[in-house]
Amino acid sequence: MAKLNVNIGALALKNPVMTASGTFGYGLEFQDFVPLNEIGGIIVKGTTLHPREGNDYPRMAETTGGMLNCVGLQNKGVDYFCEHIYPQINDLKTNVIVNVSGSSPEDYAECAACIDALEHIPAIELNISCPNVRDGGMAFGVTCQGAESVVRAVRQRYHKTLIVKLSPNVTNIADIARSCEAQGADSVSLINTLMGMSIDIERRRSRLSIGTGGLSGPCVKPVAVRMVWQVAKAVNIPVVGLGGIMTAEDAIEFFMAGATAIEIGTANFLDPAITLKVRDGINRWLDSHGCQSIQEIIGVVE
């Protein structure tokens, strides 16, 4: 068996396969289908400082090779998470990571500070694809200045491993990644969903309540692999790759592009045990190619 353990900053993963936020609930929803302790890390659904109702229905639509969603970060807020969810997951023998979202740098920082106080949460993932309410709704993650403002504010209040999830809806994602690194990010994860739209031609309206939504699934993988490759060459911190991973072979593409770890998202809806199937498939591939460790293939593509 090849060695699959990797490190994301100070965060040690028993294997490099994690679940993507928003596709695995709080982990508890999947415990009847997969042994949670064997997953490298579980990134729970997006958490905000205050409760959010999310967008109106319909907010999911199937597309060719993927799906669109505009759920809108529905959650009960960080206080509810700390008081009701955390006690149920704090004894899991894997890394539980909280995805943090907000509407201002101060919101992000306050939410992160609440999570910082939880002993058994070793890392957070910042979702900087959220709209900046002070800047006309433009997402923080689409400009270097916006990304810097969030990472800087959170880094002052959060003292554990800080992963920043990057938006692909940008001109140069490597510049955004470098800005996050400069403000103290321990890692970046990418890609978040691509902006998309689907129209019901009989009803003559969008299939989503707010018109557009985030595109995920196999159709985005070539874009995700390309962006991971670009970012891995641009920064000196670990890169976490995600976007359309359905098989071990998909995951290996991300490792060769420079990812230290990967996240599986949409595939969880099709197969709730996909994470461990991908983990085992990675191990078989490494064994069959004479590799002793996952480290041997990370970033091998020039």
C-alpha atoms as a PDB file:
ATOM      1  CA  MET A   1       0.000   0.000   0.000  1.00  0.00           C
ATOM      2  CA  ALA A   2       1.377   3.391  -0.993  1.00  0.00           C
ATOM      3  CA  LYS A   3       1.568   6.174   1.580  1.00  0.00           C
ATOM      4  CA  LEU A   4      -1.379   8.518   1.162  1.00  0.00           C
ATOM      5  CA  ASN A   5      -0.857  10.896   4.070  1.00  0.00           C
ATOM      6  CA  VAL A   6      -0.328  14.567   3.212  1.00  0.00           C
ATOM      7  CA  ASN A   7      -0.098  17.876   5.074  1.00  0.00           C
ATOM      8  CA  ILE A   8      -1.962  21.114   4.417  1.00  0.00           C
ATOM      9  CA  GLY A   9       0.031  23.536   6.515  1.00  0.00           C
ATOM     10  CA  ALA A  10      -0.215  22.180  10.057  1.00  0.00           C
ATOM     11  CA  LEU A  11      -3.193  20.037   9.080  1.00  0.00           C
ATOM     12  CA  ALA A  12      -2.296  16.352   8.752  1.00  0.00           C
ATOM     13  CA  LEU A  13      -4.529  14.236   6.510  1.00  0.00           C
ATOM     14  CA  LYS A  14      -4.467  10.415   6.710  1.00  0.00           C
ATOM     15  CA  ASN A  15      -5.297  10.437   2.996  1.00  0.00           C
ATOM     16  CA  PRO A  16      -5.734  13.286   0.496  1.00  0.00           C
ATOM     17  CA  VAL A  17      -9.449  12.801  -0.211  1.00  0.00           C
ATOM     18  CA  MET A  18     -11.879  15.272   1.370  1.00  0.00           C
ATOM     19  CA  THR A  19     -15.524  16.150   0.829  1.00  0.00           C
ATOM     20  CA  ALA A  20     -16.478  19.500  -0.696  1.00  0.00           C
ATOM     21  CA  SER A  21     -18.617  21.910   1.277  1.00  0.00           C
ATOM     22  CA  GLY A  22     -22.308  21.881   0.469  1.00  0.00           C
ATOM     23  CA  THR A  23     -22.309  18.328  -0.857  1.00  0.00           C
ATOM     24  CA  PHE A  24     -21.860  16.306   2.328  1.00  0.00           C
ATOM     25  CA  GLY A  25     -23.980  18.155   4.891  1.00  0.00           C
ATOM     26  CA  TYR A  26     -22.311  17.953   8.289  1.00  0.00           C
ATOM     27  CA  GLY A  27     -21.072  14.438   7.589  1.00  0.00           C
ATOM     28  CA  LEU A  28     -23.698  12.916   9.866  1.00  0.00           C
ATOM     29  CA  GLU A  29     -26.100  12.559   6.946  1.00  0.00           C
ATOM     30  CA  PHE A  30     -23.662  10.118   5.300  1.00  0.00           C
ATOM     31  CA  GLN A  31     -22.634   7.995   8.282  1.00  0.00           C
ATOM     32  CA  ASP A  32     -24.953   5.141   7.273  1.00  0.00           C
ATOM     33  CA  PHE A  33     -23.226   4.883   3.885  1.00  0.00           C
ATOM     34  CA  VAL A  34     -19.530   5.420   4.568  1.00  0.00           C
ATOM     35  CA  PRO A  35     -17.244   5.182   7.634  1.00  0.00           C
ATOM     36  CA  LEU A  36     -16.598   8.875   8.202  1.00  0.00           C
ATOM     37  CA  ASN A  37     -13.367   8.294  10.140  1.00  0.00           C
ATOM     38  CA  GLU A  38     -11.695   6.900   7.016  1.00  0.00           C
ATOM     39  CA  ILE A  39     -12.159  10.069   4.961  1.00  0.00           C
ATOM     40  CA  GLY A  40      -9.177  12.432   4.881  1.00  0.00           C
ATOM     41  CA  GLY A  41     -11.308  15.402   5.818  1.00  0.00           C
ATOM     42  CA  ILE A  42     -14.926  16.503   5.893  1.00  0.00           C
ATOM     43  CA  ILE A  43     -15.647  20.102   4.922  1.00  0.00           C
ATOM     44  CA  VAL A  44     -19.079  20.883   6.302  1.00  0.00           C
ATOM     45  CA  LYS A  45     -21.686  23.094   4.655  1.00  0.00           C
ATOM     46  CA  GLY A  46     -21.198  26.859   4.463  1.00  0.00           C
ATOM     47  CA  THR A  47     -21.587  28.634   7.798  1.00  0.00           C
ATOM     48  CA  THR A  48     -22.258  32.341   8.262  1.00  0.00           C
ATOM     49  CA  LEU A  49     -22.281  34.668  11.260  1.00  0.00           C
ATOM     50  CA  HIS A  50     -26.070  34.998  11.146  1.00  0.00           C
ATOM     51  CA  PRO A  51     -28.743  32.541   9.931  1.00  0.00           C
ATOM     52  CA  ARG A  52     -29.622  32.592   6.233  1.00  0.00           C
ATOM     53  CA  GLU A  53     -32.753  31.277   4.557  1.00  0.00           C
ATOM     54  CA  GLY A  54     -31.168  30.785   1.150  1.00  0.00           C
ATOM     55  CA  ASN A  55     -32.812  31.462  -2.193  1.00  0.00           C
ATOM     56  CA  ASP A  56     -36.323  30.585  -3.305  1.00  0.00           C
ATOM     57  CA  TYR A  57     -37.016  27.326  -5.131  1.00  0.00           C
ATOM     58  CA  PRO A  58     -36.237  26.077  -7.717  1.00  0.00           C
ATOM     59  CA  ARG A  59     -32.556  26.239  -6.855  1.00  0.00           C
ATOM     60  CA  MET A  60     -31.081  23.152  -8.495  1.00  0.00           C
ATOM     61  CA  ALA A  61     -31.128  22.073 -12.128  1.00  0.00           C
ATOM     62  CA  GLU A  62     -29.493  19.198 -13.965  1.00  0.00           C
ATOM     63  CA  THR A  63     -27.325  20.067 -16.972  1.00  0.00           C
ATOM     64  CA  THR A  64     -25.313  18.069 -19.490  1.00  0.00           C
ATOM     65  CA  GLY A  65     -22.413  16.628 -17.518  1.00  0.00           C
ATOM     66  CA  GLY A  66     -23.214  18.469 -14.308  1.00  0.00           C
ATOM     67  CA  MET A  67     -25.651  20.512 -12.270  1.00  0.00           C
ATOM     68  CA  LEU A  68     -26.483  24.108 -11.432  1.00  0.00           C
ATOM     69  CA  ASN A  69     -27.368  25.345  -7.975  1.00  0.00           C
ATOM     70  CA  CYS A  70     -28.318  28.619  -6.320  1.00  0.00           C
ATOM     71  CA  VAL A  71     -29.020  27.321  -2.811  1.00  0.00           C
ATOM     72  CA  GLY A  72     -27.697  30.562  -1.351  1.00  0.00           C
ATOM     73  CA  LEU A  73     -25.752  29.392   1.709  1.00  0.00           C
ATOM     74  CA  GLN A  74     -28.821  28.340   3.692  1.00  0.00           C
ATOM     75  CA  ASN A  75     -27.725  27.654   7.276  1.00  0.00           C
ATOM     76  CA  LYS A  76     -28.702  28.417  10.859  1.00  0.00           C
ATOM     77  CA  GLY A  77     -25.639  30.516  11.693  1.00  0.00           C
ATOM     78  CA  VAL A  78     -22.407  29.923  13.538  1.00  0.00           C
ATOM     79  CA  ASP A  79     -23.943  30.012  17.041  1.00  0.00           C
ATOM     80  CA  TYR A  80     -26.288  27.161  16.115  1.00  0.00           C
ATOM     81  CA  PHE A  81     -23.366  25.245  14.644  1.00  0.00           C
ATOM     82  CA  CYS A  82     -21.300  25.654  17.811  1.00  0.00           C
ATOM     83  CA  GLU A  83     -24.146  24.774  20.164  1.00  0.00           C
ATOM     84  CA  HIS A  84     -25.940  21.992  18.274  1.00  0.00           C
ATOM     85  CA  ILE A  85     -23.826  20.549  15.445  1.00  0.00           C
ATOM     86  CA  TYR A  86     -20.330  20.649  16.918  1.00  0.00           C
ATOM     87  CA  PRO A  87     -21.209  18.390  19.907  1.00  0.00           C
ATOM     88  CA  GLN A  88     -22.358  15.733  17.428  1.00  0.00           C
ATOM     89  CA  ILE A  89     -19.204  15.748  15.290  1.00  0.00           C
ATOM     90  CA  ASN A  90     -16.374  16.654  17.664  1.00  0.00           C
ATOM     91  CA  ASP A  91     -15.454  13.029  18.311  1.00  0.00           C
ATOM     92  CA  LEU A  92     -14.987  12.029  14.673  1.00  0.00           C
ATOM     93  CA  LYS A  93     -11.517  10.626  14.072  1.00  0.00           C
ATOM     94  CA  THR A  94     -10.921  12.714  10.989  1.00  0.00           C
ATOM     95  CA  ASN A  95     -10.459  16.383  10.168  1.00  0.00           C
ATOM     96  CA  VAL A  96     -13.701  18.325  10.317  1.00  0.00           C
ATOM     97  CA  ILE A  97     -13.286  21.644   8.535  1.00  0.00           C
ATOM     98  CA  VAL A  98     -15.843  24.450   8.512  1.00  0.00           C
ATOM     99  CA  ASN A  99     -16.551  26.427   5.357  1.00  0.00           C
ATOM    100  CA  VAL A 100     -16.983  30.075   6.383  1.00  0.00           C
ATOM    101  CA  SER A 101     -18.888  32.683   4.368  1.00  0.00           C
ATOM    102  CA  GLY A 102     -19.873  36.297   4.941  1.00  0.00           C
ATOM    103  CA  SER A 103     -21.004  39.641   3.573  1.00  0.00           C
ATOM    104  CA  SER A 104     -18.141  41.769   4.883  1.00  0.00           C
ATOM    105  CA  PRO A 105     -14.594  41.175   6.134  1.00  0.00           C
ATOM    106  CA  GLU A 106     -15.851  41.774   9.659  1.00  0.00           C
ATOM    107  CA  ASP A 107     -18.568  39.108   9.267  1.00  0.00           C
ATOM    108  CA  TYR A 108     -16.016  36.594   8.034  1.00  0.00           C
ATOM    109  CA  ALA A 109     -13.611  37.400  10.862  1.00  0.00           C
ATOM    110  CA  GLU A 110     -16.235  37.177  13.596  1.00  0.00           C
ATOM    111  CA  CYS A 111     -17.534  33.859  12.289  1.00  0.00           C
ATOM    112  CA  ALA A 112     -13.979  32.497  12.012  1.00  0.00           C
ATOM    113  CA  ALA A 113     -13.215  33.609  15.577  1.00  0.00           C
ATOM    114  CA  CYS A 114     -16.192  31.587  16.839  1.00  0.00           C
ATOM    115  CA  ILE A 115     -14.879  28.504  15.048  1.00  0.00           C
ATOM    116  CA  ASP A 116     -11.350  29.175  16.319  1.00  0.00           C
ATOM    117  CA  ALA A 117     -12.577  28.496  19.851  1.00  0.00           C
ATOM    118  CA  LEU A 118     -13.692  24.950  18.974  1.00  0.00           C
ATOM    119  CA  GLU A 119     -10.966  22.532  20.010  1.00  0.00           C
ATOM    120  CA  HIS A 120     -11.727  19.777  17.517  1.00  0.00           C
ATOM    121  CA  ILE A 121     -12.067  21.929  14.399  1.00  0.00           C
ATOM    122  CA  PRO A 122      -8.475  22.189  13.086  1.00  0.00           C
ATOM    123  CA  ALA A 123      -9.105  24.329   9.996  1.00  0.00           C
ATOM    124  CA  ILE A 124     -11.542  26.517   8.122  1.00  0.00           C
ATOM    125  CA  GLU A 125     -12.124  27.024   4.417  1.00  0.00           C
ATOM    126  CA  LEU A 126     -12.995  30.602   3.464  1.00  0.00           C
ATOM    127  CA  ASN A 127     -15.550  30.937   0.687  1.00  0.00           C
ATOM    128  CA  ILE A 128     -14.580  34.245  -0.930  1.00  0.00           C
ATOM    129  CA  SER A 129     -17.067  33.803  -3.782  1.00  0.00           C
ATOM    130  CA  CYS A 130     -19.663  35.603  -1.647  1.00  0.00           C
ATOM    131  CA  PRO A 131     -20.980  39.039  -2.717  1.00  0.00           C
ATOM    132  CA  ASN A 132     -19.481  42.090  -1.028  1.00  0.00           C
ATOM    133  CA  VAL A 133     -22.522  44.022   0.174  1.00  0.00           C
ATOM    134  CA  ARG A 134     -20.488  47.215   0.386  1.00  0.00           C
ATOM    135  CA  ASP A 135     -19.265  47.011  -3.190  1.00  0.00           C
ATOM    136  CA  GLY A 136     -22.381  46.566  -5.263  1.00  0.00           C
ATOM    137  CA  GLY A 137     -22.566  42.799  -4.862  1.00  0.00           C
ATOM    138  CA  MET A 138     -19.256  41.960  -6.553  1.00  0.00           C
ATOM    139  CA  ALA A 139     -17.779  38.774  -5.102  1.00  0.00           C
ATOM    140  CA  PHE A 140     -14.780  39.267  -2.817  1.00  0.00           C
ATOM    141  CA  GLY A 141     -12.834  36.634  -4.693  1.00  0.00           C
ATOM    142  CA  VAL A 142     -12.879  38.274  -8.127  1.00  0.00           C
ATOM    143  CA  THR A 143     -10.351  40.999  -7.255  1.00  0.00           C
ATOM    144  CA  CYS A 144      -7.026  40.858  -5.452  1.00  0.00           C
ATOM    145  CA  GLN A 145      -8.109  43.695  -3.181  1.00  0.00           C
ATOM    146  CA  GLY A 146     -11.347  41.948  -2.225  1.00  0.00           C
ATOM    147  CA  ALA A 147      -9.618  38.649  -1.504  1.00  0.00           C
ATOM    148  CA  GLU A 148      -6.910  40.401   0.515  1.00  0.00           C
ATOM    149  CA  SER A 149      -9.471  42.248   2.645  1.00  0.00           C
ATOM    150  CA  VAL A 150     -11.161  39.027   3.756  1.00  0.00           C
ATOM    151  CA  VAL A 151      -8.019  36.953   4.321  1.00  0.00           C
ATOM    152  CA  ARG A 152      -6.318  39.768   6.232  1.00  0.00           C
ATOM    153  CA  ALA A 153      -9.329  40.278   8.524  1.00  0.00           C
ATOM    154  CA  VAL A 154      -9.719  36.559   9.206  1.00  0.00           C
ATOM    155  CA  ARG A 155      -6.007  35.928   9.738  1.00  0.00           C
ATOM    156  CA  GLN A 156      -6.061  38.456  12.597  1.00  0.00           C
ATOM    157  CA  ARG A 157      -8.795  36.507  14.395  1.00  0.00           C
ATOM    158  CA  TYR A 158      -8.146  32.912  13.345  1.00  0.00           C
ATOM    159  CA  HIS A 159      -5.061  30.981  14.449  1.00  0.00           C
ATOM    160  CA  LYS A 160      -5.379  27.505  12.937  1.00  0.00           C
ATOM    161  CA  THR A 161      -5.035  26.247   9.358  1.00  0.00           C
ATOM    162  CA  LEU A 162      -6.631  28.699   6.940  1.00  0.00           C
ATOM    163  CA  ILE A 163      -7.666  27.425   3.503  1.00  0.00           C
ATOM    164  CA  VAL A 164      -9.080  29.951   1.029  1.00  0.00           C
ATOM    165  CA  LYS A 165     -11.520  28.672  -1.613  1.00  0.00           C
ATOM    166  CA  LEU A 166     -11.001  30.539  -4.870  1.00  0.00           C
ATOM    167  CA  SER A 167     -13.592  31.584  -7.430  1.00  0.00           C
ATOM    168  CA  PRO A 168     -12.942  30.524 -11.042  1.00  0.00           C
ATOM    169  CA  ASN A 169     -14.962  33.485 -12.345  1.00  0.00           C
ATOM    170  CA  VAL A 170     -11.882  35.689 -12.636  1.00  0.00           C
ATOM    171  CA  THR A 171      -9.394  36.911 -15.234  1.00  0.00           C
ATOM    172  CA  ASN A 172      -6.227  35.587 -13.559  1.00  0.00           C
ATOM    173  CA  ILE A 173      -6.733  33.120 -10.718  1.00  0.00           C
ATOM    174  CA  ALA A 174      -2.983  32.921 -10.014  1.00  0.00           C
ATOM    175  CA  ASP A 175      -2.974  36.605  -9.028  1.00  0.00           C
ATOM    176  CA  ILE A 176      -5.831  36.020  -6.583  1.00  0.00           C
ATOM    177  CA  ALA A 177      -4.008  33.031  -5.097  1.00  0.00           C
ATOM    178  CA  ARG A 178      -0.821  35.045  -4.596  1.00  0.00           C
ATOM    179  CA  SER A 179      -2.821  37.783  -2.865  1.00  0.00           C
ATOM    180  CA  CYS A 180      -4.301  35.248  -0.436  1.00  0.00           C
ATOM    181  CA  GLU A 181      -0.869  33.771   0.260  1.00  0.00           C
ATOM    182  CA  ALA A 182       0.561  37.228   0.961  1.00  0.00           C
ATOM    183  CA  GLN A 183      -2.123  37.846   3.601  1.00  0.00           C
ATOM    184  CA  GLY A 184      -1.407  34.627   5.481  1.00  0.00           C
ATOM    185  CA  ALA A 185      -3.436  31.856   3.852  1.00  0.00           C
ATOM    186  CA  ASP A 186      -1.990  28.419   4.622  1.00  0.00           C
ATOM    187  CA  SER A 187      -3.553  26.887   1.512  1.00  0.00           C
ATOM    188  CA  VAL A 188      -5.916  27.613  -1.352  1.00  0.00           C
ATOM    189  CA  SER A 189      -8.647  25.338  -2.684  1.00  0.00           C
ATOM    190  CA  LEU A 190     -10.060  25.568  -6.187  1.00  0.00           C
ATOM    191  CA  ILE A 191     -12.260  25.708  -8.027  1.00  0.00           C
ATOM    192  CA  ASN A 192     -15.550  26.884  -6.655  1.00  0.00           C
ATOM    193  CA  THR A 193     -18.468  26.645  -9.070  1.00  0.00           C
ATOM    194  CA  LEU A 194     -18.499  28.367 -12.458  1.00  0.00           C
ATOM    195  CA  MET A 195     -21.308  30.814 -13.100  1.00  0.00           C
ATOM    196  CA  GLY A 196     -23.894  29.290 -15.428  1.00  0.00           C
ATOM    197  CA  MET A 197     -27.481  29.391 -16.584  1.00  0.00           C
ATOM    198  CA  SER A 198     -30.081  27.026 -18.000  1.00  0.00           C
ATOM    199  CA  ILE A 199     -33.342  28.104 -19.664  1.00  0.00           C
ATOM    200  CA  ASP A 200     -36.611  26.198 -19.847  1.00  0.00           C
ATOM    201  CA  ILE A 201     -37.582  27.016 -23.432  1.00  0.00           C
ATOM    202  CA  GLU A 202     -41.241  26.003 -22.940  1.00  0.00           C
ATOM    203  CA  ARG A 203     -41.731  28.230 -19.901  1.00  0.00           C
ATOM    204  CA  ARG A 204     -39.342  30.862 -21.323  1.00  0.00           C
ATOM    205  CA  ARG A 205     -37.562  31.395 -18.053  1.00  0.00           C
ATOM    206  CA  SER A 206     -34.504  30.261 -16.167  1.00  0.00           C
ATOM    207  CA  ARG A 207     -34.641  26.906 -14.454  1.00  0.00           C
ATOM    208  CA  LEU A 208     -33.315  28.638 -11.310  1.00  0.00           C
ATOM    209  CA  SER A 209     -35.209  31.137  -9.170  1.00  0.00           C
ATOM    210  CA  ILE A 210     -32.541  33.834  -9.364  1.00  0.00           C
ATOM    211  CA  GLY A 211     -31.611  33.269 -13.005  1.00  0.00           C
ATOM    212  CA  THR A 212     -28.040  32.072 -12.667  1.00  0.00           C
ATOM    213  CA  GLY A 213     -26.259  29.561 -10.471  1.00  0.00           C
ATOM    214  CA  GLY A 214     -23.045  27.687  -9.836  1.00  0.00           C
ATOM    215  CA  LEU A 215     -22.091  24.965 -12.299  1.00  0.00           C
ATOM    216  CA  SER A 216     -20.411  21.820 -10.939  1.00  0.00           C
ATOM    217  CA  GLY A 217     -19.826  18.237 -11.999  1.00  0.00           C
ATOM    218  CA  PRO A 218     -17.689  16.482 -14.620  1.00  0.00           C
ATOM    219  CA  CYS A 219     -18.171  19.258 -17.181  1.00  0.00           C
ATOM    220  CA  VAL A 220     -16.003  21.686 -15.171  1.00  0.00           C
ATOM    221  CA  LYS A 221     -13.034  19.333 -14.636  1.00  0.00           C
ATOM    222  CA  PRO A 222     -10.809  20.509 -17.513  1.00  0.00           C
ATOM    223  CA  VAL A 223     -11.167  24.108 -16.331  1.00  0.00           C
ATOM    224  CA  ALA A 224     -10.452  23.078 -12.732  1.00  0.00           C
ATOM    225  CA  VAL A 225      -7.356  21.059 -13.647  1.00  0.00           C
ATOM    226  CA  ARG A 226      -6.003  23.968 -15.700  1.00  0.00           C
ATOM    227  CA  MET A 227      -6.523  26.448 -12.863  1.00  0.00           C
ATOM    228  CA  VAL A 228      -4.956  24.127 -10.271  1.00  0.00           C
ATOM    229  CA  TRP A 229      -1.932  23.748 -12.558  1.00  0.00           C
ATOM    230  CA  GLN A 230      -1.615  27.531 -12.909  1.00  0.00           C
ATOM    231  CA  VAL A 231      -2.016  28.230  -9.206  1.00  0.00           C
ATOM    232  CA  ALA A 232       0.328  25.459  -8.059  1.00  0.00           C
ATOM    233  CA  LYS A 233       3.087  27.086 -10.108  1.00  0.00           C
ATOM    234  CA  ALA A 234       2.299  30.539  -8.723  1.00  0.00           C
ATOM    235  CA  VAL A 235       2.263  29.952  -4.939  1.00  0.00           C
ATOM    236  CA  ASN A 236       4.405  28.256  -2.316  1.00  0.00           C
ATOM    237  CA  ILE A 237       1.513  26.990  -0.206  1.00  0.00           C
ATOM    238  CA  PRO A 238      -0.385  23.700  -0.711  1.00  0.00           C
ATOM    239  CA  VAL A 239      -3.170  23.641  -3.270  1.00  0.00           C
ATOM    240  CA  VAL A 240      -6.374  21.633  -2.800  1.00  0.00           C
ATOM    241  CA  GLY A 241      -8.022  20.677  -6.091  1.00  0.00           C
ATOM    242  CA  LEU A 242     -11.687  20.134  -6.790  1.00  0.00           C
ATOM    243  CA  GLY A 243     -14.129  20.314  -9.655  1.00  0.00           C
ATOM    244  CA  GLY A 244     -15.743  17.373 -11.401  1.00  0.00           C
ATOM    245  CA  ILE A 245     -13.833  14.557  -9.707  1.00  0.00           C
ATOM    246  CA  MET A 246     -15.778  11.335 -10.226  1.00  0.00           C
ATOM    247  CA  THR A 247     -13.040   8.681 -10.266  1.00  0.00           C
ATOM    248  CA  ALA A 248      -9.553   7.970  -8.947  1.00  0.00           C
ATOM    249  CA  GLU A 249      -8.189   8.762 -12.394  1.00  0.00           C
ATOM    250  CA  ASP A 250      -9.791  12.204 -12.206  1.00  0.00           C
ATOM    251  CA  ALA A 251      -8.162  12.790  -8.836  1.00  0.00           C
ATOM    252  CA  ILE A 252      -4.754  11.735 -10.145  1.00  0.00           C
ATOM    253  CA  GLU A 253      -4.987  14.415 -12.836  1.00  0.00           C
ATOM    254  CA  PHE A 254      -5.318  17.008 -10.089  1.00  0.00           C
ATOM    255  CA  PHE A 255      -2.334  15.613  -8.176  1.00  0.00           C
ATOM    256  CA  MET A 256      -0.187  15.662 -11.290  1.00  0.00           C
ATOM    257  CA  ALA A 257      -1.292  19.255 -11.912  1.00  0.00           C
ATOM    258  CA  GLY A 258       0.039  20.191  -8.481  1.00  0.00           C
ATOM    259  CA  ALA A 259      -2.712  19.529  -5.931  1.00  0.00           C
ATOM    260  CA  THR A 260      -1.627  18.172  -2.547  1.00  0.00           C
ATOM    261  CA  ALA A 261      -5.174  17.048  -1.706  1.00  0.00           C
ATOM    262  CA  ILE A 262      -8.533  16.940  -3.436  1.00  0.00           C
ATOM    263  CA  GLU A 263     -12.201  17.439  -2.601  1.00  0.00           C
ATOM    264  CA  ILE A 264     -15.124  15.492  -4.018  1.00  0.00           C
ATOM    265  CA  GLY A 265     -18.405  17.344  -4.399  1.00  0.00           C
ATOM    266  CA  THR A 266     -21.197  16.613  -6.864  1.00  0.00           C
ATOM    267  CA  ALA A 267     -20.239  12.916  -7.083  1.00  0.00           C
ATOM    268  CA  ASN A 268     -21.450  12.495  -3.481  1.00  0.00           C
ATOM    269  CA  PHE A 269     -25.010  12.949  -4.732  1.00  0.00           C
ATOM    270  CA  LEU A 270     -24.600  10.010  -7.112  1.00  0.00           C
ATOM    271  CA  ASP A 271     -22.660   7.701  -4.788  1.00  0.00           C
ATOM    272  CA  PRO A 272     -22.458   8.514  -1.062  1.00  0.00           C
ATOM    273  CA  ALA A 273     -19.432   6.200  -0.697  1.00  0.00           C
ATOM    274  CA  ILE A 274     -17.465   7.730  -3.580  1.00  0.00           C
ATOM    275  CA  THR A 275     -14.777   9.269  -1.344  1.00  0.00           C
ATOM    276  CA  LEU A 276     -13.404   5.940  -0.186  1.00  0.00           C
ATOM    277  CA  LYS A 277     -13.784   4.386  -3.620  1.00  0.00           C
ATOM    278  CA  VAL A 278     -11.606   7.172  -5.005  1.00  0.00           C
ATOM    279  CA  ARG A 279      -9.130   6.744  -2.137  1.00  0.00           C
ATOM    280  CA  ASP A 280      -8.828   3.026  -2.830  1.00  0.00           C
ATOM    281  CA  GLY A 281      -8.534   3.648  -6.555  1.00  0.00           C
ATOM    282  CA  ILE A 282      -5.683   6.093  -5.990  1.00  0.00           C
ATOM    283  CA  ASN A 283      -3.894   3.465  -3.938  1.00  0.00           C
ATOM    284  CA  ARG A 284      -4.328   0.825  -6.624  1.00  0.00           C
ATOM    285  CA  TRP A 285      -3.029   3.184  -9.304  1.00  0.00           C
ATOM    286  CA  LEU A 286       0.046   4.080  -7.246  1.00  0.00           C
ATOM    287  CA  ASP A 287       0.760   0.408  -6.537  1.00  0.00           C
ATOM    288  CA  SER A 288       0.372  -0.575 -10.173  1.00  0.00           C
ATOM    289  CA  HIS A 289       2.768   2.188 -11.240  1.00  0.00           C
ATOM    290  CA  GLY A 290       5.423   1.362  -8.650  1.00  0.00           C
ATOM    291  CA  CYS A 291       4.868   4.474  -6.519  1.00  0.00           C
ATOM    292  CA  GLN A 292       5.561   4.255  -2.803  1.00  0.00           C
ATOM    293  CA  SER A 293       3.838   7.531  -1.945  1.00  0.00           C
ATOM    294  CA  ILE A 294       1.316  10.019  -3.312  1.00  0.00           C
ATOM    295  CA  GLN A 295       4.096  12.584  -3.050  1.00  0.00           C
ATOM    296  CA  GLU A 296       5.789  11.023  -6.080  1.00  0.00           C
ATOM    297  CA  ILE A 297       3.123  12.280  -8.468  1.00  0.00           C
ATOM    298  CA  ILE A 298       2.219  15.677  -7.016  1.00  0.00           C
ATOM    299  CA  GLY A 299       3.090  18.398  -9.503  1.00  0.00           C
ATOM    300  CA  VAL A 300       4.869  16.155 -12.000  1.00  0.00           C
ATOM    301  CA  VAL A 301       3.339  17.927 -15.005  1.00  0.00           C
ATOM    302  CA  GLU A 302       5.533  20.863 -16.028  1.00  0.00           C
END
